[in-house]
Amino acid sequence: MAGDLQFSWELGGAGWATCRIADSVSEQKAIVGYCSDALADLLYAVTGLYGDPTDQRASFDLEPVEMRWLLRRQELDVSIAIYRFPDGATSWGSPDETGGTLSWSSTQPRSVLGHKVMEAAETVLRDHGEEGYLEKWVRYPFPVAALQDLRRLHQRDDECRHERCRNNLEH
């Protein structure tokens, strides 16, 4: 059902995070490694949905598996398809639908996806701060600019009714 999306990003030990996305039908949960700037990639992919209607992608390294998100905007909705590739080192550039196995999909309003991803990133920042994030994620700093871009476009284009968005709070 559209609009029933749940998303979380939780830092674990040094260099890994648990990413969870779910709707009323199913869920996808993965342990993401720090070999890529995964949270930044996802924030930029979702931000891209507010501009040119081309497909957006984010790739997560699950060491050795690659988990690739394909986001396709359809008017104000987004088709989310998550593909798994057995070896991230060899899957780079492979076509999504033919090179990987579909492991999760859903269609959600862009406003809901944007809000949920923004909210999860804000929670990570609030819980760990920029220094704490870098200490735990190790290779990449917290993607402040990517979060700010998503927040700005979400507030501008989605008419979000959540109190934080209505009050235009930086949090």
N, C-alpha and C. Protein backbone atom coordinates (compact mmCIF):
# COMPACT_ATOMS: atom_id res chain seq x y z
N MET A 1 0.85 -1.18 0.00
CA MET A 1 0.00 0.00 0.00
C MET A 1 0.89 1.24 0.00
N ALA A 2 0.62 2.16 -0.86
CA ALA A 2 1.42 3.38 -0.97
C ALA A 2 1.34 4.20 0.31
N GLY A 3 2.47 4.73 0.71
CA GLY A 3 2.51 5.59 1.88
C GLY A 3 2.77 4.86 3.18
N ASP A 4 2.94 3.53 3.14
CA ASP A 4 3.15 2.75 4.35
C ASP A 4 4.63 2.42 4.58
N LEU A 5 5.50 3.22 4.03
CA LEU A 5 6.93 2.94 4.01
C LEU A 5 7.58 3.14 5.37
N GLN A 6 8.52 2.27 5.68
CA GLN A 6 9.39 2.39 6.84
C GLN A 6 10.82 2.31 6.34
N PHE A 7 11.69 3.14 6.91
CA PHE A 7 13.10 3.11 6.52
C PHE A 7 13.95 3.46 7.72
N SER A 8 15.04 2.73 7.89
CA SER A 8 15.98 3.06 8.96
C SER A 8 17.41 2.79 8.51
N TRP A 9 18.32 3.52 9.12
CA TRP A 9 19.76 3.39 8.88
C TRP A 9 20.40 3.48 10.25
N GLU A 10 20.97 2.38 10.72
CA GLU A 10 21.54 2.36 12.07
C GLU A 10 23.00 1.94 12.00
N LEU A 11 23.86 2.81 12.53
CA LEU A 11 25.28 2.48 12.57
C LEU A 11 25.51 1.37 13.59
N GLY A 12 26.38 0.43 13.22
CA GLY A 12 26.74 -0.65 14.12
C GLY A 12 28.17 -0.46 14.57
N GLY A 13 28.96 -1.49 14.43
CA GLY A 13 30.37 -1.41 14.77
C GLY A 13 31.12 -0.59 13.74
N ALA A 14 32.43 -0.57 13.87
CA ALA A 14 33.25 0.22 12.96
C ALA A 14 33.08 -0.26 11.52
N GLY A 15 32.58 0.63 10.67
CA GLY A 15 32.50 0.36 9.25
C GLY A 15 31.29 -0.40 8.76
N TRP A 16 30.21 -0.45 9.54
CA TRP A 16 29.01 -1.10 9.03
C TRP A 16 27.75 -0.45 9.61
N ALA A 17 26.65 -0.62 8.87
CA ALA A 17 25.35 -0.10 9.29
C ALA A 17 24.28 -1.10 8.86
N THR A 18 23.17 -1.07 9.57
CA THR A 18 22.02 -1.88 9.19
C THR A 18 21.03 -0.97 8.49
N CYS A 19 20.69 -1.34 7.27
CA CYS A 19 19.71 -0.61 6.47
C CYS A 19 18.45 -1.47 6.39
N ARG A 20 17.31 -0.87 6.70
CA ARG A 20 16.04 -1.60 6.64
C ARG A 20 15.01 -0.75 5.91
N ILE A 21 14.34 -1.35 4.94
CA ILE A 21 13.23 -0.70 4.25
C ILE A 21 12.09 -1.71 4.21
N ALA A 22 10.88 -1.24 4.46
CA ALA A 22 9.73 -2.14 4.50
C ALA A 22 8.47 -1.39 4.11
N ASP A 23 7.51 -2.15 3.61
CA ASP A 23 6.15 -1.66 3.42
C ASP A 23 5.23 -2.71 4.04
N SER A 24 3.94 -2.61 3.79
CA SER A 24 3.00 -3.55 4.42
C SER A 24 3.11 -4.96 3.86
N VAL A 25 3.85 -5.13 2.76
CA VAL A 25 3.95 -6.44 2.12
C VAL A 25 5.23 -7.18 2.51
N SER A 26 6.36 -6.48 2.53
CA SER A 26 7.63 -7.16 2.79
C SER A 26 8.68 -6.17 3.28
N GLU A 27 9.82 -6.72 3.64
CA GLU A 27 10.93 -5.87 4.08
C GLU A 27 12.24 -6.36 3.49
N GLN A 28 13.19 -5.45 3.42
CA GLN A 28 14.55 -5.74 2.99
C GLN A 28 15.46 -5.21 4.08
N LYS A 29 16.34 -6.05 4.58
CA LYS A 29 17.28 -5.65 5.62
C LYS A 29 18.66 -6.11 5.18
N ALA A 30 19.66 -5.25 5.35
CA ALA A 30 21.01 -5.58 4.92
C ALA A 30 22.03 -4.94 5.84
N ILE A 31 23.15 -5.61 5.98
CA ILE A 31 24.30 -5.06 6.69
C ILE A 31 25.20 -4.45 5.61
N VAL A 32 25.33 -3.13 5.65
CA VAL A 32 26.04 -2.38 4.62
C VAL A 32 27.45 -2.07 5.12
N GLY A 33 28.42 -2.28 4.26
CA GLY A 33 29.81 -2.02 4.60
C GLY A 33 30.26 -0.64 4.17
N TYR A 34 31.35 -0.18 4.75
CA TYR A 34 31.87 1.17 4.54
C TYR A 34 32.73 1.33 3.29
N CYS A 35 32.78 0.32 2.45
CA CYS A 35 33.60 0.42 1.23
C CYS A 35 33.03 1.42 0.23
N SER A 36 31.78 1.79 0.42
CA SER A 36 31.19 2.85 -0.41
C SER A 36 30.54 3.87 0.53
N ASP A 37 30.28 5.04 0.02
CA ASP A 37 29.64 6.10 0.79
C ASP A 37 28.12 5.93 0.66
N ALA A 38 27.64 4.82 1.19
CA ALA A 38 26.28 4.35 0.93
C ALA A 38 25.18 5.33 1.33
N LEU A 39 25.25 5.89 2.52
CA LEU A 39 24.19 6.81 2.95
C LEU A 39 24.17 8.04 2.05
N ALA A 40 25.33 8.58 1.72
CA ALA A 40 25.38 9.74 0.81
C ALA A 40 24.82 9.37 -0.55
N ASP A 41 25.18 8.19 -1.06
CA ASP A 41 24.66 7.75 -2.37
C ASP A 41 23.14 7.70 -2.36
N LEU A 42 22.56 7.16 -1.29
CA LEU A 42 21.11 7.07 -1.21
C LEU A 42 20.48 8.46 -1.11
N LEU A 43 21.05 9.33 -0.28
CA LEU A 43 20.51 10.69 -0.16
C LEU A 43 20.55 11.41 -1.50
N TYR A 44 21.65 11.30 -2.23
CA TYR A 44 21.74 11.96 -3.54
C TYR A 44 20.78 11.33 -4.56
N ALA A 45 20.59 10.02 -4.49
CA ALA A 45 19.65 9.36 -5.41
C ALA A 45 18.22 9.85 -5.16
N VAL A 46 17.83 9.92 -3.90
CA VAL A 46 16.48 10.40 -3.58
C VAL A 46 16.34 11.87 -3.94
N THR A 47 17.38 12.66 -3.70
CA THR A 47 17.37 14.07 -4.09
C THR A 47 17.18 14.21 -5.59
N GLY A 48 17.80 13.33 -6.35
CA GLY A 48 17.68 13.36 -7.80
C GLY A 48 16.25 13.18 -8.30
N LEU A 49 15.39 12.60 -7.48
CA LEU A 49 13.99 12.40 -7.86
C LEU A 49 13.22 13.72 -7.92
N TYR A 50 13.80 14.78 -7.40
CA TYR A 50 13.14 16.09 -7.40
C TYR A 50 13.51 16.91 -8.63
N GLY A 51 14.36 16.37 -9.48
CA GLY A 51 14.78 17.09 -10.67
C GLY A 51 14.40 16.33 -11.92
N ASP A 52 15.38 16.12 -12.73
CA ASP A 52 15.23 15.40 -13.98
C ASP A 52 14.58 14.04 -13.72
N PRO A 53 13.58 13.66 -14.49
CA PRO A 53 12.87 12.41 -14.21
C PRO A 53 13.61 11.14 -14.60
N THR A 54 14.92 11.21 -14.79
CA THR A 54 15.65 9.99 -15.11
C THR A 54 15.75 9.08 -13.89
N ASP A 55 16.07 7.83 -14.14
CA ASP A 55 16.24 6.87 -13.06
C ASP A 55 17.39 7.31 -12.16
N GLN A 56 17.25 6.98 -10.89
CA GLN A 56 18.30 7.26 -9.92
C GLN A 56 18.75 5.93 -9.32
N ARG A 57 20.04 5.84 -9.00
CA ARG A 57 20.58 4.60 -8.44
C ARG A 57 21.44 4.91 -7.22
N ALA A 58 21.44 3.96 -6.30
CA ALA A 58 22.36 3.98 -5.17
C ALA A 58 22.88 2.56 -5.01
N SER A 59 24.16 2.45 -4.72
CA SER A 59 24.77 1.14 -4.60
C SER A 59 25.38 0.99 -3.22
N PHE A 60 25.09 -0.15 -2.58
CA PHE A 60 25.64 -0.45 -1.26
C PHE A 60 26.53 -1.67 -1.36
N ASP A 61 27.64 -1.63 -0.68
CA ASP A 61 28.56 -2.77 -0.63
C ASP A 61 28.21 -3.62 0.58
N LEU A 62 27.82 -4.86 0.32
CA LEU A 62 27.51 -5.79 1.41
C LEU A 62 28.65 -6.78 1.62
N GLU A 63 29.75 -6.54 0.94
CA GLU A 63 30.99 -7.30 1.10
C GLU A 63 30.77 -8.81 1.07
N PRO A 64 30.72 -9.48 -0.03
CA PRO A 64 31.05 -9.05 -1.38
C PRO A 64 29.83 -8.69 -2.23
N VAL A 65 28.65 -8.89 -1.72
CA VAL A 65 27.42 -8.64 -2.47
C VAL A 65 27.23 -7.15 -2.70
N GLU A 66 26.69 -6.79 -3.86
CA GLU A 66 26.26 -5.42 -4.11
C GLU A 66 24.74 -5.38 -4.02
N MET A 67 24.22 -4.39 -3.31
CA MET A 67 22.79 -4.14 -3.27
C MET A 67 22.58 -2.81 -3.99
N ARG A 68 21.84 -2.84 -5.08
CA ARG A 68 21.64 -1.65 -5.91
C ARG A 68 20.17 -1.25 -5.88
N TRP A 69 19.94 -0.01 -5.54
CA TRP A 69 18.60 0.56 -5.55
C TRP A 69 18.37 1.25 -6.89
N LEU A 70 17.26 0.94 -7.52
CA LEU A 70 16.85 1.62 -8.74
C LEU A 70 15.56 2.36 -8.41
N LEU A 71 15.60 3.67 -8.52
CA LEU A 71 14.45 4.53 -8.21
C LEU A 71 13.95 5.14 -9.51
N ARG A 72 12.69 4.89 -9.83
CA ARG A 72 12.09 5.42 -11.06
C ARG A 72 10.90 6.29 -10.68
N ARG A 73 11.03 7.55 -11.01
CA ARG A 73 9.93 8.47 -10.73
C ARG A 73 8.83 8.28 -11.76
N GLN A 74 7.60 8.23 -11.25
CA GLN A 74 6.40 8.11 -12.09
C GLN A 74 5.41 9.16 -11.59
N GLU A 75 5.48 10.35 -12.19
CA GLU A 75 4.70 11.50 -11.71
C GLU A 75 5.16 11.80 -10.28
N LEU A 76 4.26 11.70 -9.30
CA LEU A 76 4.63 11.98 -7.91
C LEU A 76 4.93 10.72 -7.11
N ASP A 77 4.93 9.58 -7.78
CA ASP A 77 5.27 8.31 -7.13
C ASP A 77 6.66 7.87 -7.56
N VAL A 78 7.22 6.93 -6.80
CA VAL A 78 8.53 6.37 -7.11
C VAL A 78 8.43 4.85 -7.03
N SER A 79 8.87 4.22 -8.09
CA SER A 79 9.01 2.77 -8.09
C SER A 79 10.40 2.46 -7.52
N ILE A 80 10.43 1.70 -6.45
CA ILE A 80 11.69 1.33 -5.78
C ILE A 80 11.94 -0.14 -6.08
N ALA A 81 13.07 -0.45 -6.66
CA ALA A 81 13.46 -1.84 -6.91
C ALA A 81 14.88 -2.02 -6.37
N ILE A 82 15.06 -3.03 -5.54
CA ILE A 82 16.37 -3.31 -4.97
C ILE A 82 16.86 -4.64 -5.55
N TYR A 83 18.02 -4.57 -6.18
CA TYR A 83 18.62 -5.74 -6.81
C TYR A 83 19.86 -6.15 -6.04
N ARG A 84 20.10 -7.45 -5.98
CA ARG A 84 21.30 -8.00 -5.36
C ARG A 84 22.17 -8.63 -6.45
N PHE A 85 23.45 -8.32 -6.38
CA PHE A 85 24.44 -8.90 -7.29
C PHE A 85 25.40 -9.72 -6.43
N PRO A 86 25.75 -10.92 -6.85
CA PRO A 86 26.56 -11.78 -6.00
C PRO A 86 27.95 -11.24 -5.70
N ASP A 87 28.51 -10.43 -6.59
CA ASP A 87 29.86 -9.92 -6.37
C ASP A 87 29.95 -8.48 -6.84
N GLY A 88 30.01 -7.57 -5.89
CA GLY A 88 30.07 -6.15 -6.22
C GLY A 88 31.28 -5.78 -7.06
N ALA A 89 32.36 -6.52 -6.93
CA ALA A 89 33.57 -6.21 -7.69
C ALA A 89 33.38 -6.45 -9.18
N THR A 90 32.49 -7.37 -9.55
CA THR A 90 32.30 -7.69 -10.96
C THR A 90 30.98 -7.18 -11.52
N SER A 91 30.09 -6.67 -10.66
CA SER A 91 28.77 -6.25 -11.14
C SER A 91 28.71 -4.80 -11.58
N TRP A 92 29.74 -4.02 -11.31
CA TRP A 92 29.73 -2.60 -11.66
C TRP A 92 29.41 -2.43 -13.14
N GLY A 93 28.40 -1.67 -13.44
CA GLY A 93 28.01 -1.41 -14.81
C GLY A 93 27.05 -2.44 -15.39
N SER A 94 26.77 -3.50 -14.65
CA SER A 94 25.82 -4.51 -15.13
C SER A 94 24.41 -3.92 -15.15
N PRO A 95 23.60 -4.32 -16.13
CA PRO A 95 22.21 -3.86 -16.16
C PRO A 95 21.48 -4.33 -14.90
N ASP A 96 20.61 -3.48 -14.37
CA ASP A 96 19.90 -3.80 -13.14
C ASP A 96 19.06 -5.06 -13.27
N GLU A 97 18.16 -5.04 -14.25
CA GLU A 97 17.16 -6.08 -14.36
C GLU A 97 17.73 -7.42 -14.83
N THR A 98 18.84 -7.40 -15.59
CA THR A 98 19.38 -8.65 -16.11
C THR A 98 20.60 -9.13 -15.33
N GLY A 99 21.31 -8.22 -14.70
CA GLY A 99 22.52 -8.62 -13.99
C GLY A 99 22.31 -8.97 -12.54
N GLY A 100 21.21 -8.53 -11.96
CA GLY A 100 20.97 -8.78 -10.56
C GLY A 100 19.64 -9.49 -10.34
N THR A 101 19.42 -9.88 -9.09
CA THR A 101 18.18 -10.54 -8.70
C THR A 101 17.34 -9.55 -7.91
N LEU A 102 16.10 -9.34 -8.33
CA LEU A 102 15.21 -8.44 -7.60
C LEU A 102 14.95 -9.03 -6.21
N SER A 103 15.25 -8.25 -5.18
CA SER A 103 15.04 -8.75 -3.81
C SER A 103 13.97 -7.98 -3.05
N TRP A 104 13.59 -6.80 -3.55
CA TRP A 104 12.52 -6.05 -2.88
C TRP A 104 12.03 -4.98 -3.83
N SER A 105 10.73 -4.71 -3.79
CA SER A 105 10.19 -3.62 -4.60
C SER A 105 8.93 -3.06 -3.96
N SER A 106 8.66 -1.82 -4.29
CA SER A 106 7.47 -1.14 -3.79
C SER A 106 7.29 0.13 -4.61
N THR A 107 6.10 0.64 -4.64
CA THR A 107 5.84 1.96 -5.21
C THR A 107 5.29 2.83 -4.11
N GLN A 108 5.91 3.99 -3.95
CA GLN A 108 5.57 4.90 -2.85
C GLN A 108 5.50 6.32 -3.38
N PRO A 109 4.74 7.18 -2.71
CA PRO A 109 4.79 8.60 -3.07
C PRO A 109 6.20 9.15 -2.84
N ARG A 110 6.66 9.98 -3.76
CA ARG A 110 7.98 10.59 -3.60
C ARG A 110 8.08 11.31 -2.26
N SER A 111 6.99 11.97 -1.86
CA SER A 111 7.01 12.71 -0.60
C SER A 111 7.28 11.80 0.59
N VAL A 112 6.75 10.60 0.56
CA VAL A 112 6.94 9.65 1.66
C VAL A 112 8.38 9.13 1.65
N LEU A 113 8.87 8.71 0.49
CA LEU A 113 10.24 8.22 0.39
C LEU A 113 11.22 9.32 0.81
N GLY A 114 11.05 10.51 0.28
CA GLY A 114 11.93 11.62 0.64
C GLY A 114 11.94 11.88 2.12
N HIS A 115 10.75 11.89 2.73
CA HIS A 115 10.66 12.17 4.16
C HIS A 115 11.31 11.06 4.99
N LYS A 116 11.04 9.82 4.65
CA LYS A 116 11.56 8.69 5.45
C LYS A 116 13.09 8.62 5.38
N VAL A 117 13.66 8.82 4.20
CA VAL A 117 15.11 8.77 4.07
C VAL A 117 15.73 9.97 4.78
N MET A 118 15.14 11.15 4.62
CA MET A 118 15.62 12.34 5.31
C MET A 118 15.57 12.14 6.83
N GLU A 119 14.46 11.64 7.32
CA GLU A 119 14.27 11.43 8.75
C GLU A 119 15.29 10.43 9.32
N ALA A 120 15.55 9.35 8.58
CA ALA A 120 16.53 8.36 9.04
C ALA A 120 17.93 8.97 9.11
N ALA A 121 18.31 9.75 8.11
CA ALA A 121 19.63 10.39 8.11
C ALA A 121 19.73 11.40 9.25
N GLU A 122 18.66 12.14 9.48
CA GLU A 122 18.66 13.11 10.59
C GLU A 122 18.81 12.39 11.93
N THR A 123 18.19 11.24 12.07
CA THR A 123 18.31 10.46 13.31
C THR A 123 19.75 10.02 13.53
N VAL A 124 20.41 9.56 12.47
CA VAL A 124 21.82 9.17 12.58
C VAL A 124 22.66 10.37 13.01
N LEU A 125 22.43 11.52 12.40
CA LEU A 125 23.19 12.72 12.74
C LEU A 125 22.92 13.15 14.18
N ARG A 126 21.67 13.12 14.58
CA ARG A 126 21.31 13.51 15.95
C ARG A 126 21.92 12.54 16.97
N ASP A 127 21.89 11.24 16.67
CA ASP A 127 22.38 10.24 17.63
C ASP A 127 23.91 10.20 17.72
N HIS A 128 24.60 10.48 16.61
CA HIS A 128 26.04 10.29 16.59
C HIS A 128 26.84 11.58 16.37
N GLY A 129 26.22 12.60 15.78
CA GLY A 129 26.96 13.79 15.42
C GLY A 129 27.90 13.50 14.27
N GLU A 130 28.49 14.54 13.70
CA GLU A 130 29.39 14.35 12.57
C GLU A 130 30.65 13.58 12.97
N GLU A 131 31.21 13.92 14.12
CA GLU A 131 32.43 13.23 14.57
C GLU A 131 32.15 11.76 14.88
N GLY A 132 31.05 11.51 15.57
CA GLY A 132 30.70 10.14 15.92
C GLY A 132 30.40 9.29 14.69
N TYR A 133 29.78 9.91 13.68
CA TYR A 133 29.50 9.20 12.44
C TYR A 133 30.81 8.78 11.78
N LEU A 134 31.73 9.71 11.64
CA LEU A 134 33.01 9.40 11.00
C LEU A 134 33.78 8.35 11.80
N GLU A 135 33.70 8.43 13.10
CA GLU A 135 34.37 7.45 13.95
C GLU A 135 33.80 6.05 13.70
N LYS A 136 32.50 5.95 13.54
CA LYS A 136 31.87 4.65 13.31
C LYS A 136 31.92 4.22 11.84
N TRP A 137 31.70 5.15 10.90
CA TRP A 137 31.66 4.78 9.49
C TRP A 137 33.06 4.65 8.91
N VAL A 138 34.01 5.32 9.49
CA VAL A 138 35.45 5.22 9.24
C VAL A 138 35.92 5.93 7.98
N ARG A 139 35.41 5.59 6.81
CA ARG A 139 36.00 6.09 5.56
C ARG A 139 35.40 7.39 5.04
N TYR A 140 34.17 7.69 5.41
CA TYR A 140 33.49 8.85 4.83
C TYR A 140 32.84 9.68 5.92
N PRO A 141 32.87 11.01 5.79
CA PRO A 141 32.18 11.87 6.76
C PRO A 141 30.67 11.81 6.55
N PHE A 142 29.93 12.29 7.53
CA PHE A 142 28.48 12.35 7.40
C PHE A 142 28.13 13.24 6.21
N PRO A 143 27.20 12.82 5.38
CA PRO A 143 26.85 13.58 4.16
C PRO A 143 25.93 14.77 4.44
N VAL A 144 26.49 15.78 5.08
CA VAL A 144 25.71 16.96 5.48
C VAL A 144 25.08 17.64 4.27
N ALA A 145 25.86 17.88 3.23
CA ALA A 145 25.33 18.60 2.04
C ALA A 145 24.21 17.81 1.38
N ALA A 146 24.36 16.50 1.31
CA ALA A 146 23.32 15.66 0.69
C ALA A 146 22.03 15.73 1.50
N LEU A 147 22.14 15.69 2.82
CA LEU A 147 20.96 15.80 3.68
C LEU A 147 20.31 17.18 3.54
N GLN A 148 21.11 18.22 3.51
CA GLN A 148 20.56 19.58 3.36
C GLN A 148 19.84 19.74 2.02
N ASP A 149 20.41 19.19 0.95
CA ASP A 149 19.76 19.27 -0.36
C ASP A 149 18.41 18.55 -0.35
N LEU A 150 18.39 17.35 0.21
CA LEU A 150 17.14 16.59 0.26
C LEU A 150 16.11 17.33 1.11
N ARG A 151 16.51 17.83 2.27
CA ARG A 151 15.58 18.54 3.15
C ARG A 151 14.98 19.75 2.42
N ARG A 152 15.83 20.52 1.76
CA ARG A 152 15.37 21.72 1.06
C ARG A 152 14.36 21.38 -0.04
N LEU A 153 14.66 20.39 -0.86
CA LEU A 153 13.75 20.02 -1.95
C LEU A 153 12.48 19.37 -1.44
N HIS A 154 12.59 18.56 -0.42
CA HIS A 154 11.41 17.93 0.18
C HIS A 154 10.47 19.00 0.75
N GLN A 155 11.03 19.94 1.48
CA GLN A 155 10.20 21.01 2.05
C GLN A 155 9.58 21.87 0.97
N ARG A 156 10.31 22.14 -0.07
CA ARG A 156 9.83 23.00 -1.15
C ARG A 156 8.76 22.33 -2.01
N ASP A 157 8.95 21.06 -2.36
CA ASP A 157 8.12 20.42 -3.38
C ASP A 157 7.05 19.48 -2.86
N ASP A 158 7.15 19.01 -1.65
CA ASP A 158 6.26 17.93 -1.20
C ASP A 158 5.12 18.35 -0.28
N GLU A 159 5.08 19.61 0.09
CA GLU A 159 4.01 20.06 0.99
C GLU A 159 3.88 19.13 2.19
N CYS A 160 5.01 18.79 2.78
CA CYS A 160 5.04 17.85 3.90
C CYS A 160 4.25 18.40 5.08
N ARG A 161 3.45 17.55 5.69
CA ARG A 161 2.61 17.96 6.81
C ARG A 161 3.21 17.60 8.17
N HIS A 162 4.38 16.95 8.16
CA HIS A 162 5.03 16.63 9.43
C HIS A 162 5.49 17.93 10.08
N GLU A 163 5.38 18.00 11.38
CA GLU A 163 5.68 19.23 12.12
C GLU A 163 7.10 19.73 11.85
N ARG A 164 8.08 18.84 11.83
CA ARG A 164 9.46 19.27 11.59
C ARG A 164 9.60 19.99 10.24
N CYS A 165 8.91 19.45 9.24
CA CYS A 165 9.00 20.06 7.91
C CYS A 165 8.21 21.37 7.85
N ARG A 166 7.05 21.38 8.46
CA ARG A 166 6.24 22.61 8.44
C ARG A 166 6.98 23.76 9.10
N ASN A 167 7.70 23.45 10.15
CA ASN A 167 8.42 24.50 10.89
C ASN A 167 9.79 24.80 10.28
N ASN A 168 10.13 24.05 9.21
CA ASN A 168 11.38 24.26 8.50
C ASN A 168 12.58 24.24 9.46
N LEU A 169 12.55 23.26 10.38
CA LEU A 169 13.62 23.17 11.37
C LEU A 169 14.85 22.49 10.79
N GLU A 170 16.00 23.00 11.16
CA GLU A 170 17.27 22.31 10.89
C GLU A 170 17.52 21.45 12.10
N HIS A 171 17.45 20.15 11.93
CA HIS A 171 17.66 19.26 13.08
C HIS A 171 18.47 18.06 12.67
